[in-house]
């Protein structure tokens, strides 16, 4: 699932490691790139409100 890939990347796990036996061996680095592209396109389609912290 996309959220799993994004969570792993956020945690600092490299795309190569995500594609390894320890995580998702069925994936290739191009799948990770496609997941990032898809997530980026979804954010471009939405309007977000910036919150001051």
C-alpha atoms as a PDB file:
ATOM      1  CA  UNK A   1       0.000   0.000   0.000  1.00  0.00           C
ATOM      2  CA  UNK A   2       1.140   3.504  -0.772  1.00  0.00           C
ATOM      3  CA  UNK A   3       1.048   4.654   2.847  1.00  0.00           C
ATOM      4  CA  UNK A   4       3.453   1.876   3.837  1.00  0.00           C
ATOM      5  CA  UNK A   5       5.985   2.983   1.233  1.00  0.00           C
ATOM      6  CA  UNK A   6       5.657   6.616   2.298  1.00  0.00           C
ATOM      7  CA  UNK A   7       6.001   5.713   5.984  1.00  0.00           C
ATOM      8  CA  UNK A   8       9.161   3.720   5.306  1.00  0.00           C
ATOM      9  CA  UNK A   9      10.676   6.535   3.249  1.00  0.00           C
ATOM     10  CA  UNK A  10       9.790   9.017   5.995  1.00  0.00           C
ATOM     11  CA  UNK A  11      11.547   6.744   8.493  1.00  0.00           C
ATOM     12  CA  UNK A  12      14.713   7.005   6.413  1.00  0.00           C
ATOM     13  CA  UNK A  13      14.557   3.579   4.786  1.00  0.00           C
ATOM     14  CA  UNK A  14      16.067   3.730   1.299  1.00  0.00           C
ATOM     15  CA  UNK A  15      14.168   2.658  -1.803  1.00  0.00           C
ATOM     16  CA  UNK A  16      16.715  -0.119  -2.321  1.00  0.00           C
ATOM     17  CA  UNK A  17      16.101  -1.462   1.171  1.00  0.00           C
ATOM     18  CA  UNK A  18      12.316  -1.245   0.753  1.00  0.00           C
ATOM     19  CA  UNK A  19      12.703  -3.469  -2.310  1.00  0.00           C
ATOM     20  CA  UNK A  20      14.758  -6.017  -0.371  1.00  0.00           C
ATOM     21  CA  UNK A  21      13.756  -9.310   1.246  1.00  0.00           C
ATOM     22  CA  UNK A  22      13.263  -7.497   4.570  1.00  0.00           C
ATOM     23  CA  UNK A  23      10.358  -5.405   3.276  1.00  0.00           C
ATOM     24  CA  UNK A  24       8.777  -5.802  -0.178  1.00  0.00           C
ATOM     25  CA  UNK A  25      10.924  -7.985  -2.459  1.00  0.00           C
ATOM     26  CA  UNK A  26       8.238  -7.940  -5.146  1.00  0.00           C
ATOM     27  CA  UNK A  27       8.817  -4.200  -5.661  1.00  0.00           C
ATOM     28  CA  UNK A  28      11.409  -2.561  -7.875  1.00  0.00           C
ATOM     29  CA  UNK A  29      12.886   0.934  -7.428  1.00  0.00           C
ATOM     30  CA  UNK A  30      10.631   2.128 -10.259  1.00  0.00           C
ATOM     31  CA  UNK A  31       7.624   1.161  -8.130  1.00  0.00           C
ATOM     32  CA  UNK A  32       8.883   3.445  -5.368  1.00  0.00           C
ATOM     33  CA  UNK A  33       9.299   6.289  -7.855  1.00  0.00           C
ATOM     34  CA  UNK A  34       5.777   5.663  -9.136  1.00  0.00           C
ATOM     35  CA  UNK A  35       4.404   5.744  -5.587  1.00  0.00           C
ATOM     36  CA  UNK A  36       6.087   9.094  -4.929  1.00  0.00           C
ATOM     37  CA  UNK A  37       4.833  10.466  -8.225  1.00  0.00           C
ATOM     38  CA  UNK A  38       1.276   9.356  -7.459  1.00  0.00           C
ATOM     39  CA  UNK A  39       1.375  10.909  -3.972  1.00  0.00           C
ATOM     40  CA  UNK A  40       2.753  14.150  -5.403  1.00  0.00           C
ATOM     41  CA  UNK A  41       0.016  14.329  -8.024  1.00  0.00           C
ATOM     42  CA  UNK A  42      -2.640  13.795  -5.377  1.00  0.00           C
ATOM     43  CA  UNK A  43      -1.351  16.724  -3.342  1.00  0.00           C
ATOM     44  CA  UNK A  44      -1.257  18.951  -6.404  1.00  0.00           C
ATOM     45  CA  UNK A  45      -4.979  18.338  -6.899  1.00  0.00           C
ATOM     46  CA  UNK A  46      -5.930  19.449  -3.400  1.00  0.00           C
ATOM     47  CA  UNK A  47      -5.961  22.802  -1.672  1.00  0.00           C
ATOM     48  CA  UNK A  48      -4.324  22.795   1.727  1.00  0.00           C
ATOM     49  CA  UNK A  49      -4.496  25.289   4.549  1.00  0.00           C
ATOM     50  CA  UNK A  50      -1.189  26.136   6.189  1.00  0.00           C
ATOM     51  CA  UNK A  51      -1.326  26.146   9.973  1.00  0.00           C
ATOM     52  CA  UNK A  52       0.982  28.253  12.079  1.00  0.00           C
ATOM     53  CA  UNK A  53       2.639  26.263  14.815  1.00  0.00           C
END
